Amino acid sequence: MLSQKQALEKMEVDIRLRGLSSSTLDRYLAHTATFLHYCKRPVEELNELHVRKFLEYLIKEKNLQPATVNVYSAAIRFFFAVTLNRTMNYLQIPRMKKTKALPVILTKAEISMLLVQSNNRKHKALLLLAYGSGLRISEIARLKVEDIDSKSMRVFVRESKGKKDRYSLLSESTLDALRDYWRQYRPKNSEGWLFPGTNNTGHITKEGIRYALNTALKKTSITKNITVHTLRHCFATHLLEDGFNLLQIKELLGHSSISSTLVYLHLANTTKGIKSPADQLTENIFENKIL
């Protein structure tokens, strides 16, 4: 009979053996621990009914969003199927349907405003890597000095989402910002991190990068609710508006499927230069009246 502690320890090993990301490891363990604490009963007694009650609690009492509830559900499914090696009737544990709201996007003018207000050289370099290269916040944090290739003007992204390596763009403005940052900070780190953490231990945290964005944002008139990831969305959307195709953008972003990249068709101003048939109809009516 496994105790809750033993079950979670086994789950951690199961996740590591599958090579899942550290963020998945942390979320799955934390969510499963919350589930076990809520149920307050031996692991062997747990079943679909307990899972349903727990998910209902997350929705009604904790008011969690569908996407978050689904992550809890995925963690618990992994726990039962892999760690406990038990089959469950998953029809009794449906995934919540998520609303497909489009991401918030900044205009190029708003991006410029944000960068102008980022007076700290390190902060500006961080924000330009998010917007100019389309990097995720975790990818920025884990950049190493050797990943910046100024000769071919590329950024090497190591083990991004899905454990995949890729290259993205290195803009001239980003390179200039990185050089300004380097001249001022002269970062030293035995592991070669581009942005070392506090006291040169490890790399910068996600919170540190968010602080850079929020510090600049407070100085602007921008009222949109944005995150560091918003700048990645802006990178892709503005590239599409500038004439780059979806396959190019897919590779730069590191998407596994083109379906993930298609969202930018809804964000980009694809109506520019297209004339509505209603306008042509109105013009014909106007011409006929004159005749």
C-alpha atoms as a PDB file:
ATOM      1  CA  MET A   1       0.000   0.000   0.000  1.00  0.00           C
ATOM      2  CA  LEU A   2       1.476   3.313  -1.116  1.00  0.00           C
ATOM      3  CA  SER A   3       1.325   6.350   1.121  1.00  0.00           C
ATOM      4  CA  GLN A   4       0.578   9.694  -0.523  1.00  0.00           C
ATOM      5  CA  LYS A   5       4.220  10.687  -0.118  1.00  0.00           C
ATOM      6  CA  GLN A   6       5.451   7.463  -1.720  1.00  0.00           C
ATOM      7  CA  ALA A   7       2.947   7.825  -4.554  1.00  0.00           C
ATOM      8  CA  LEU A   8       4.150  11.369  -5.328  1.00  0.00           C
ATOM      9  CA  GLU A   9       7.784  10.252  -5.206  1.00  0.00           C
ATOM     10  CA  LYS A  10       7.015   7.472  -7.688  1.00  0.00           C
ATOM     11  CA  MET A  11       5.142   9.950  -9.882  1.00  0.00           C
ATOM     12  CA  GLU A  12       8.184  12.222  -9.964  1.00  0.00           C
ATOM     13  CA  VAL A  13      10.332   9.321 -11.184  1.00  0.00           C
ATOM     14  CA  ASP A  14       7.707   8.414 -13.813  1.00  0.00           C
ATOM     15  CA  ILE A  15       7.707  11.987 -15.147  1.00  0.00           C
ATOM     16  CA  ARG A  16      11.501  12.201 -15.246  1.00  0.00           C
ATOM     17  CA  LEU A  17      11.780   8.859 -17.062  1.00  0.00           C
ATOM     18  CA  ARG A  18       9.546  10.255 -19.796  1.00  0.00           C
ATOM     19  CA  GLY A  19      11.741  13.335 -20.191  1.00  0.00           C
ATOM     20  CA  LEU A  20       8.905  15.789 -19.605  1.00  0.00           C
ATOM     21  CA  SER A  21       9.831  19.402 -18.957  1.00  0.00           C
ATOM     22  CA  SER A  22      10.675  20.717 -15.502  1.00  0.00           C
ATOM     23  CA  SER A  23       7.606  22.982 -15.607  1.00  0.00           C
ATOM     24  CA  THR A  24       5.376  19.964 -16.341  1.00  0.00           C
ATOM     25  CA  LEU A  25       7.055  18.088 -13.505  1.00  0.00           C
ATOM     26  CA  ASP A  26       6.408  20.914 -11.046  1.00  0.00           C
ATOM     27  CA  ARG A  27       2.783  21.443 -12.128  1.00  0.00           C
ATOM     28  CA  TYR A  28       1.839  17.764 -12.182  1.00  0.00           C
ATOM     29  CA  LEU A  29       3.303  17.080  -8.757  1.00  0.00           C
ATOM     30  CA  ALA A  30       1.757  20.194  -7.203  1.00  0.00           C
ATOM     31  CA  HIS A  31      -1.677  19.568  -8.758  1.00  0.00           C
ATOM     32  CA  THR A  32      -1.708  15.909  -7.781  1.00  0.00           C
ATOM     33  CA  ALA A  33      -0.641  16.774  -4.230  1.00  0.00           C
ATOM     34  CA  THR A  34      -3.553  19.238  -4.053  1.00  0.00           C
ATOM     35  CA  PHE A  35      -5.923  16.512  -5.269  1.00  0.00           C
ATOM     36  CA  LEU A  36      -4.675  14.030  -2.660  1.00  0.00           C
ATOM     37  CA  HIS A  37      -4.906  16.611   0.111  1.00  0.00           C
ATOM     38  CA  TYR A  38      -8.492  17.427  -0.930  1.00  0.00           C
ATOM     39  CA  CYS A  39      -9.588  13.778  -0.930  1.00  0.00           C
ATOM     40  CA  LYS A  40      -7.987  12.897   2.430  1.00  0.00           C
ATOM     41  CA  ARG A  41      -8.173   9.154   1.893  1.00  0.00           C
ATOM     42  CA  PRO A  42      -5.825   6.273   0.992  1.00  0.00           C
ATOM     43  CA  VAL A  43      -4.573   6.260  -2.581  1.00  0.00           C
ATOM     44  CA  GLU A  44      -6.039   2.782  -3.218  1.00  0.00           C
ATOM     45  CA  GLU A  45      -9.578   4.024  -2.506  1.00  0.00           C
ATOM     46  CA  LEU A  46      -9.556   6.846  -5.038  1.00  0.00           C
ATOM     47  CA  ASN A  47     -11.715   6.548  -8.157  1.00  0.00           C
ATOM     48  CA  GLU A  48     -13.494   8.573 -10.855  1.00  0.00           C
ATOM     49  CA  LEU A  49     -16.055   9.906  -8.394  1.00  0.00           C
ATOM     50  CA  HIS A  50     -13.340  11.554  -6.302  1.00  0.00           C
ATOM     51  CA  VAL A  51     -11.781  13.083  -9.392  1.00  0.00           C
ATOM     52  CA  ARG A  52     -15.145  14.476 -10.539  1.00  0.00           C
ATOM     53  CA  LYS A  53     -15.826  16.019  -7.132  1.00  0.00           C
ATOM     54  CA  PHE A  54     -12.361  17.567  -7.048  1.00  0.00           C
ATOM     55  CA  LEU A  55     -12.678  19.094 -10.531  1.00  0.00           C
ATOM     56  CA  GLU A  56     -16.130  20.426  -9.626  1.00  0.00           C
ATOM     57  CA  TYR A  57     -14.570  21.997  -6.544  1.00  0.00           C
ATOM     58  CA  LEU A  58     -11.933  23.712  -8.722  1.00  0.00           C
ATOM     59  CA  ILE A  59     -14.635  25.124 -10.963  1.00  0.00           C
ATOM     60  CA  LYS A  60     -17.275  26.158  -8.419  1.00  0.00           C
ATOM     61  CA  GLU A  61     -15.254  26.994  -5.330  1.00  0.00           C
ATOM     62  CA  LYS A  62     -11.883  28.082  -6.728  1.00  0.00           C
ATOM     63  CA  ASN A  63     -13.287  29.652  -9.921  1.00  0.00           C
ATOM     64  CA  LEU A  64     -10.400  28.351 -12.012  1.00  0.00           C
ATOM     65  CA  GLN A  65     -10.367  28.823 -15.777  1.00  0.00           C
ATOM     66  CA  PRO A  66     -11.030  25.807 -18.062  1.00  0.00           C
ATOM     67  CA  ALA A  67      -7.416  25.663 -19.241  1.00  0.00           C
ATOM     68  CA  THR A  68      -6.161  25.438 -15.646  1.00  0.00           C
ATOM     69  CA  VAL A  69      -8.750  22.816 -14.704  1.00  0.00           C
ATOM     70  CA  ASN A  70      -7.665  20.749 -17.707  1.00  0.00           C
ATOM     71  CA  VAL A  71      -4.055  20.797 -16.503  1.00  0.00           C
ATOM     72  CA  TYR A  72      -5.201  19.481 -13.120  1.00  0.00           C
ATOM     73  CA  SER A  73      -7.170  16.799 -14.942  1.00  0.00           C
ATOM     74  CA  ALA A  74      -4.149  15.827 -17.069  1.00  0.00           C
ATOM     75  CA  ALA A  75      -1.953  15.541 -13.980  1.00  0.00           C
ATOM     76  CA  ILE A  76      -4.476  13.299 -12.220  1.00  0.00           C
ATOM     77  CA  ARG A  77      -4.923  11.142 -15.332  1.00  0.00           C
ATOM     78  CA  PHE A  78      -1.149  10.655 -15.475  1.00  0.00           C
ATOM     79  CA  PHE A  79      -1.132   9.776 -11.783  1.00  0.00           C
ATOM     80  CA  PHE A  80      -3.763   7.063 -12.179  1.00  0.00           C
ATOM     81  CA  ALA A  81      -2.665   5.659 -15.554  1.00  0.00           C
ATOM     82  CA  VAL A  82       1.109   5.672 -15.067  1.00  0.00           C
ATOM     83  CA  THR A  83       1.993   5.923 -11.391  1.00  0.00           C
ATOM     84  CA  LEU A  84      -0.854   3.759 -10.047  1.00  0.00           C
ATOM     85  CA  ASN A  85      -1.191   1.693 -13.266  1.00  0.00           C
ATOM     86  CA  ARG A  86      -4.961   1.811 -12.945  1.00  0.00           C
ATOM     87  CA  THR A  87      -7.535   2.085 -15.711  1.00  0.00           C
ATOM     88  CA  MET A  88     -10.274   4.663 -15.386  1.00  0.00           C
ATOM     89  CA  ASN A  89     -13.455   5.499 -17.262  1.00  0.00           C
ATOM     90  CA  TYR A  90     -12.306   8.804 -18.726  1.00  0.00           C
ATOM     91  CA  LEU A  91     -15.771   9.426 -20.174  1.00  0.00           C
ATOM     92  CA  GLN A  92     -16.665  10.251 -16.581  1.00  0.00           C
ATOM     93  CA  ILE A  93     -13.865  12.816 -16.423  1.00  0.00           C
ATOM     94  CA  PRO A  94     -14.410  15.056 -19.468  1.00  0.00           C
ATOM     95  CA  ARG A  95     -12.057  17.857 -20.396  1.00  0.00           C
ATOM     96  CA  MET A  96     -13.564  21.319 -20.193  1.00  0.00           C
ATOM     97  CA  LYS A  97     -14.150  23.184 -23.408  1.00  0.00           C
ATOM     98  CA  LYS A  98     -11.927  26.259 -23.511  1.00  0.00           C
ATOM     99  CA  THR A  99     -13.006  29.606 -24.870  1.00  0.00           C
ATOM    100  CA  LYS A 100     -10.904  30.533 -27.870  1.00  0.00           C
ATOM    101  CA  ALA A 101     -10.253  34.179 -27.160  1.00  0.00           C
ATOM    102  CA  LEU A 102      -7.691  35.824 -29.414  1.00  0.00           C
ATOM    103  CA  PRO A 103      -4.481  37.033 -27.756  1.00  0.00           C
ATOM    104  CA  VAL A 104      -4.032  40.734 -27.067  1.00  0.00           C
ATOM    105  CA  ILE A 105      -1.725  42.430 -29.567  1.00  0.00           C
ATOM    106  CA  LEU A 106       0.207  45.686 -29.403  1.00  0.00           C
ATOM    107  CA  THR A 107       0.584  47.906 -32.443  1.00  0.00           C
ATOM    108  CA  LYS A 108       4.057  48.709 -33.705  1.00  0.00           C
ATOM    109  CA  ALA A 109       3.625  52.202 -32.277  1.00  0.00           C
ATOM    110  CA  GLU A 110       2.842  50.739 -28.863  1.00  0.00           C
ATOM    111  CA  ILE A 111       5.868  48.444 -29.075  1.00  0.00           C
ATOM    112  CA  SER A 112       8.040  51.475 -29.838  1.00  0.00           C
ATOM    113  CA  MET A 113       6.531  53.336 -26.890  1.00  0.00           C
ATOM    114  CA  LEU A 114       7.286  50.405 -24.599  1.00  0.00           C
ATOM    115  CA  LEU A 115      10.908  50.156 -25.729  1.00  0.00           C
ATOM    116  CA  VAL A 116      11.486  53.894 -25.472  1.00  0.00           C
ATOM    117  CA  GLN A 117      10.320  53.809 -21.846  1.00  0.00           C
ATOM    118  CA  SER A 118      12.653  50.912 -21.047  1.00  0.00           C
ATOM    119  CA  ASN A 119      15.620  52.967 -19.896  1.00  0.00           C
ATOM    120  CA  ASN A 120      17.472  50.072 -18.279  1.00  0.00           C
ATOM    121  CA  ARG A 121      19.791  48.482 -20.875  1.00  0.00           C
ATOM    122  CA  LYS A 122      19.289  44.984 -19.536  1.00  0.00           C
ATOM    123  CA  HIS A 123      15.516  45.388 -19.571  1.00  0.00           C
ATOM    124  CA  LYS A 124      15.536  46.656 -23.129  1.00  0.00           C
ATOM    125  CA  ALA A 125      17.606  43.676 -24.284  1.00  0.00           C
ATOM    126  CA  LEU A 126      15.160  41.278 -22.611  1.00  0.00           C
ATOM    127  CA  LEU A 127      12.120  42.909 -24.225  1.00  0.00           C
ATOM    128  CA  LEU A 128      13.741  43.004 -27.651  1.00  0.00           C
ATOM    129  CA  LEU A 129      14.509  39.283 -27.475  1.00  0.00           C
ATOM    130  CA  ALA A 130      10.819  38.665 -26.777  1.00  0.00           C
ATOM    131  CA  TYR A 131       9.603  40.917 -29.590  1.00  0.00           C
ATOM    132  CA  GLY A 132      12.498  40.913 -32.055  1.00  0.00           C
ATOM    133  CA  SER A 133      13.097  37.145 -31.919  1.00  0.00           C
ATOM    134  CA  GLY A 134       9.724  35.861 -30.737  1.00  0.00           C
ATOM    135  CA  LEU A 135      11.176  33.988 -27.767  1.00  0.00           C
ATOM    136  CA  ARG A 136       9.188  32.533 -24.901  1.00  0.00           C
ATOM    137  CA  ILE A 137       9.991  33.849 -21.424  1.00  0.00           C
ATOM    138  CA  SER A 138      11.669  30.576 -20.431  1.00  0.00           C
ATOM    139  CA  GLU A 139      13.771  30.637 -23.608  1.00  0.00           C
ATOM    140  CA  ILE A 140      15.035  34.139 -22.847  1.00  0.00           C
ATOM    141  CA  ALA A 141      15.953  33.124 -19.304  1.00  0.00           C
ATOM    142  CA  ARG A 142      18.003  30.125 -20.496  1.00  0.00           C
ATOM    143  CA  LEU A 143      19.961  31.856 -23.250  1.00  0.00           C
ATOM    144  CA  LYS A 144      23.719  31.459 -23.137  1.00  0.00           C
ATOM    145  CA  VAL A 145      26.291  33.878 -24.491  1.00  0.00           C
ATOM    146  CA  GLU A 146      27.248  31.418 -27.238  1.00  0.00           C
ATOM    147  CA  ASP A 147      23.629  31.292 -28.448  1.00  0.00           C
ATOM    148  CA  ILE A 148      23.890  34.800 -29.909  1.00  0.00           C
ATOM    149  CA  ASP A 149      25.306  34.444 -33.423  1.00  0.00           C
ATOM    150  CA  SER A 150      26.052  37.947 -34.668  1.00  0.00           C
ATOM    151  CA  LYS A 151      27.664  36.660 -37.885  1.00  0.00           C
ATOM    152  CA  SER A 152      24.582  34.907 -39.222  1.00  0.00           C
ATOM    153  CA  MET A 153      22.225  37.144 -37.204  1.00  0.00           C
ATOM    154  CA  ARG A 154      20.490  34.251 -35.492  1.00  0.00           C
ATOM    155  CA  VAL A 155      19.573  33.244 -31.960  1.00  0.00           C
ATOM    156  CA  PHE A 156      20.000  29.593 -31.064  1.00  0.00           C
ATOM    157  CA  VAL A 157      17.174  28.364 -28.815  1.00  0.00           C
ATOM    158  CA  ARG A 158      18.073  25.261 -26.818  1.00  0.00           C
ATOM    159  CA  GLU A 159      15.534  22.624 -25.877  1.00  0.00           C
ATOM    160  CA  SER A 160      12.494  24.825 -26.257  1.00  0.00           C
ATOM    161  CA  LYS A 161       8.959  23.504 -25.835  1.00  0.00           C
ATOM    162  CA  GLY A 162       8.874  19.821 -26.782  1.00  0.00           C
ATOM    163  CA  LYS A 163      12.637  19.497 -26.146  1.00  0.00           C
ATOM    164  CA  LYS A 164      13.392  20.902 -29.626  1.00  0.00           C
ATOM    165  CA  ASP A 165      16.265  23.147 -30.693  1.00  0.00           C
ATOM    166  CA  ARG A 166      15.690  25.877 -33.245  1.00  0.00           C
ATOM    167  CA  TYR A 167      17.038  29.149 -34.621  1.00  0.00           C
ATOM    168  CA  SER A 168      15.218  32.455 -34.646  1.00  0.00           C
ATOM    169  CA  LEU A 169      15.983  35.920 -35.952  1.00  0.00           C
ATOM    170  CA  LEU A 170      18.478  38.280 -34.370  1.00  0.00           C
ATOM    171  CA  SER A 171      17.509  41.809 -35.335  1.00  0.00           C
ATOM    172  CA  GLU A 172      20.023  44.635 -35.591  1.00  0.00           C
ATOM    173  CA  SER A 173      18.213  46.529 -32.833  1.00  0.00           C
ATOM    174  CA  THR A 174      18.328  43.491 -30.549  1.00  0.00           C
ATOM    175  CA  LEU A 175      22.030  42.999 -31.210  1.00  0.00           C
ATOM    176  CA  ASP A 176      22.712  46.678 -30.440  1.00  0.00           C
ATOM    177  CA  ALA A 177      20.721  46.370 -27.201  1.00  0.00           C
ATOM    178  CA  LEU A 178      22.620  43.232 -26.210  1.00  0.00           C
ATOM    179  CA  ARG A 179      25.959  44.963 -26.845  1.00  0.00           C
ATOM    180  CA  ASP A 180      24.878  47.962 -24.751  1.00  0.00           C
ATOM    181  CA  TYR A 181      23.815  45.606 -21.977  1.00  0.00           C
ATOM    182  CA  TRP A 182      27.107  43.699 -22.165  1.00  0.00           C
ATOM    183  CA  ARG A 183      29.236  46.856 -22.031  1.00  0.00           C
ATOM    184  CA  GLN A 184      27.433  48.079 -18.919  1.00  0.00           C
ATOM    185  CA  TYR A 185      26.943  44.847 -16.953  1.00  0.00           C
ATOM    186  CA  ARG A 186      29.877  42.651 -18.038  1.00  0.00           C
ATOM    187  CA  PRO A 187      28.031  39.558 -16.730  1.00  0.00           C
ATOM    188  CA  LYS A 188      30.198  36.737 -15.445  1.00  0.00           C
ATOM    189  CA  ASN A 189      28.820  33.275 -14.905  1.00  0.00           C
ATOM    190  CA  SER A 190      30.624  29.944 -14.891  1.00  0.00           C
ATOM    191  CA  GLU A 191      27.759  28.336 -16.806  1.00  0.00           C
ATOM    192  CA  GLY A 192      27.771  30.970 -19.546  1.00  0.00           C
ATOM    193  CA  TRP A 193      24.263  32.355 -18.998  1.00  0.00           C
ATOM    194  CA  LEU A 194      23.600  35.521 -21.001  1.00  0.00           C
ATOM    195  CA  PHE A 195      21.480  36.907 -18.177  1.00  0.00           C
ATOM    196  CA  PRO A 196      22.836  35.527 -14.868  1.00  0.00           C
ATOM    197  CA  GLY A 197      20.644  35.427 -11.792  1.00  0.00           C
ATOM    198  CA  THR A 198      21.185  37.202  -8.489  1.00  0.00           C
ATOM    199  CA  ASN A 199      24.812  37.052  -7.338  1.00  0.00           C
ATOM    200  CA  ASN A 200      25.656  35.399 -10.681  1.00  0.00           C
ATOM    201  CA  THR A 201      23.978  32.190  -9.516  1.00  0.00           C
ATOM    202  CA  GLY A 202      22.025  30.353 -12.217  1.00  0.00           C
ATOM    203  CA  HIS A 203      20.117  32.346 -14.809  1.00  0.00           C
ATOM    204  CA  ILE A 204      17.603  35.166 -14.544  1.00  0.00           C
ATOM    205  CA  THR A 205      14.164  34.151 -13.304  1.00  0.00           C
ATOM    206  CA  LYS A 206      10.887  34.569 -15.164  1.00  0.00           C
ATOM    207  CA  GLU A 207       9.889  37.050 -12.483  1.00  0.00           C
ATOM    208  CA  GLY A 208      12.938  39.142 -13.351  1.00  0.00           C
ATOM    209  CA  ILE A 209      11.892  39.293 -17.003  1.00  0.00           C
ATOM    210  CA  ARG A 210       8.299  40.146 -16.070  1.00  0.00           C
ATOM    211  CA  TYR A 211       9.642  42.938 -13.891  1.00  0.00           C
ATOM    212  CA  ALA A 212      11.454  44.402 -16.910  1.00  0.00           C
ATOM    213  CA  LEU A 213       8.187  44.490 -18.871  1.00  0.00           C
ATOM    214  CA  ASN A 214       6.053  45.867 -16.053  1.00  0.00           C
ATOM    215  CA  THR A 215       8.584  48.584 -15.195  1.00  0.00           C
ATOM    216  CA  ALA A 216       8.481  49.929 -18.754  1.00  0.00           C
ATOM    217  CA  LEU A 217       4.719  49.404 -19.099  1.00  0.00           C
ATOM    218  CA  LYS A 218       3.942  51.614 -16.091  1.00  0.00           C
ATOM    219  CA  LYS A 219       5.637  54.547 -17.837  1.00  0.00           C
ATOM    220  CA  THR A 220       3.442  54.277 -20.938  1.00  0.00           C
ATOM    221  CA  SER A 221      -0.203  55.063 -21.670  1.00  0.00           C
ATOM    222  CA  ILE A 222      -0.838  51.456 -22.739  1.00  0.00           C
ATOM    223  CA  THR A 223      -3.886  50.053 -20.933  1.00  0.00           C
ATOM    224  CA  LYS A 224      -3.994  46.625 -22.554  1.00  0.00           C
ATOM    225  CA  ASN A 225      -3.486  43.620 -20.299  1.00  0.00           C
ATOM    226  CA  ILE A 226      -0.234  42.195 -21.650  1.00  0.00           C
ATOM    227  CA  THR A 227       2.473  39.745 -20.629  1.00  0.00           C
ATOM    228  CA  VAL A 228       5.947  38.938 -21.927  1.00  0.00           C
ATOM    229  CA  HIS A 229       4.297  36.315 -24.150  1.00  0.00           C
ATOM    230  CA  THR A 230       2.288  39.111 -25.780  1.00  0.00           C
ATOM    231  CA  LEU A 231       5.522  40.324 -27.377  1.00  0.00           C
ATOM    232  CA  ARG A 232       5.981  36.882 -28.980  1.00  0.00           C
ATOM    233  CA  HIS A 233       2.457  37.142 -30.409  1.00  0.00           C
ATOM    234  CA  CYS A 234       3.316  40.619 -31.730  1.00  0.00           C
ATOM    235  CA  PHE A 235       6.478  39.254 -33.384  1.00  0.00           C
ATOM    236  CA  ALA A 236       4.481  36.665 -35.330  1.00  0.00           C
ATOM    237  CA  THR A 237       1.574  38.969 -36.173  1.00  0.00           C
ATOM    238  CA  HIS A 238       3.764  41.790 -37.437  1.00  0.00           C
ATOM    239  CA  LEU A 239       5.840  39.370 -39.535  1.00  0.00           C
ATOM    240  CA  LEU A 240       2.654  38.097 -41.166  1.00  0.00           C
ATOM    241  CA  GLU A 241       1.504  41.661 -41.858  1.00  0.00           C
ATOM    242  CA  ASP A 242       4.906  42.391 -43.415  1.00  0.00           C
ATOM    243  CA  GLY A 243       4.461  39.598 -45.948  1.00  0.00           C
ATOM    244  CA  PHE A 244       6.223  36.590 -44.398  1.00  0.00           C
ATOM    245  CA  ASN A 245       4.404  33.287 -44.830  1.00  0.00           C
ATOM    246  CA  LEU A 246       3.030  31.049 -42.124  1.00  0.00           C
ATOM    247  CA  LEU A 247       5.574  28.273 -42.674  1.00  0.00           C
ATOM    248  CA  GLN A 248       8.460  30.684 -42.062  1.00  0.00           C
ATOM    249  CA  ILE A 249       6.780  32.008 -38.927  1.00  0.00           C
ATOM    250  CA  LYS A 250       6.023  28.468 -37.724  1.00  0.00           C
ATOM    251  CA  GLU A 251       9.722  27.564 -37.844  1.00  0.00           C
ATOM    252  CA  LEU A 252      10.811  30.771 -36.125  1.00  0.00           C
ATOM    253  CA  LEU A 253       8.321  30.200 -33.316  1.00  0.00           C
ATOM    254  CA  GLY A 254       9.145  26.511 -32.963  1.00  0.00           C
ATOM    255  CA  HIS A 255       5.554  25.320 -33.365  1.00  0.00           C
ATOM    256  CA  SER A 256       5.093  21.572 -33.849  1.00  0.00           C
ATOM    257  CA  SER A 257       1.979  22.051 -35.948  1.00  0.00           C
ATOM    258  CA  ILE A 258       0.930  24.729 -38.419  1.00  0.00           C
ATOM    259  CA  SER A 259      -2.458  24.801 -36.660  1.00  0.00           C
ATOM    260  CA  SER A 260      -0.803  26.641 -33.754  1.00  0.00           C
ATOM    261  CA  THR A 261       0.482  29.293 -36.157  1.00  0.00           C
ATOM    262  CA  LEU A 262      -2.854  29.786 -37.935  1.00  0.00           C
ATOM    263  CA  VAL A 263      -4.154  31.906 -35.047  1.00  0.00           C
ATOM    264  CA  TYR A 264      -2.071  34.801 -36.381  1.00  0.00           C
ATOM    265  CA  LEU A 265      -4.277  34.935 -39.465  1.00  0.00           C
ATOM    266  CA  HIS A 266      -6.996  36.204 -37.124  1.00  0.00           C
ATOM    267  CA  LEU A 267      -4.678  38.727 -35.472  1.00  0.00           C
ATOM    268  CA  ALA A 268      -2.952  40.200 -38.510  1.00  0.00           C
ATOM    269  CA  ASN A 269      -4.541  42.991 -40.472  1.00  0.00           C
ATOM    270  CA  THR A 270      -5.143  40.817 -43.537  1.00  0.00           C
ATOM    271  CA  THR A 271      -7.833  43.177 -44.868  1.00  0.00           C
ATOM    272  CA  LYS A 272      -5.274  45.818 -45.844  1.00  0.00           C
ATOM    273  CA  GLY A 273      -5.524  46.579 -49.561  1.00  0.00           C
ATOM    274  CA  ILE A 274      -8.652  44.461 -50.040  1.00  0.00           C
ATOM    275  CA  LYS A 275     -11.711  46.246 -51.307  1.00  0.00           C
ATOM    276  CA  SER A 276     -15.094  45.084 -50.099  1.00  0.00           C
ATOM    277  CA  PRO A 277     -17.615  44.117 -52.805  1.00  0.00           C
ATOM    278  CA  ALA A 278     -20.079  46.374 -50.981  1.00  0.00           C
ATOM    279  CA  ASP A 279     -17.925  49.385 -51.903  1.00  0.00           C
ATOM    280  CA  GLN A 280     -17.952  48.382 -55.540  1.00  0.00           C
ATOM    281  CA  LEU A 281     -21.710  47.917 -55.391  1.00  0.00           C
ATOM    282  CA  THR A 282     -22.137  51.385 -53.880  1.00  0.00           C
ATOM    283  CA  GLU A 283     -19.927  52.903 -56.586  1.00  0.00           C
ATOM    284  CA  ASN A 284     -22.006  51.259 -59.336  1.00  0.00           C
ATOM    285  CA  ILE A 285     -25.230  52.550 -57.812  1.00  0.00           C
ATOM    286  CA  PHE A 286     -23.761  56.039 -57.542  1.00  0.00           C
ATOM    287  CA  GLU A 287     -22.582  55.972 -61.178  1.00  0.00           C
ATOM    288  CA  ASN A 288     -25.987  54.776 -62.400  1.00  0.00           C
ATOM    289  CA  LYS A 289     -27.745  57.611 -60.573  1.00  0.00           C
ATOM    290  CA  ILE A 290     -25.503  60.126 -62.247  1.00  0.00           C
ATOM    291  CA  LEU A 291     -26.129  58.593 -65.663  1.00  0.00           C
END
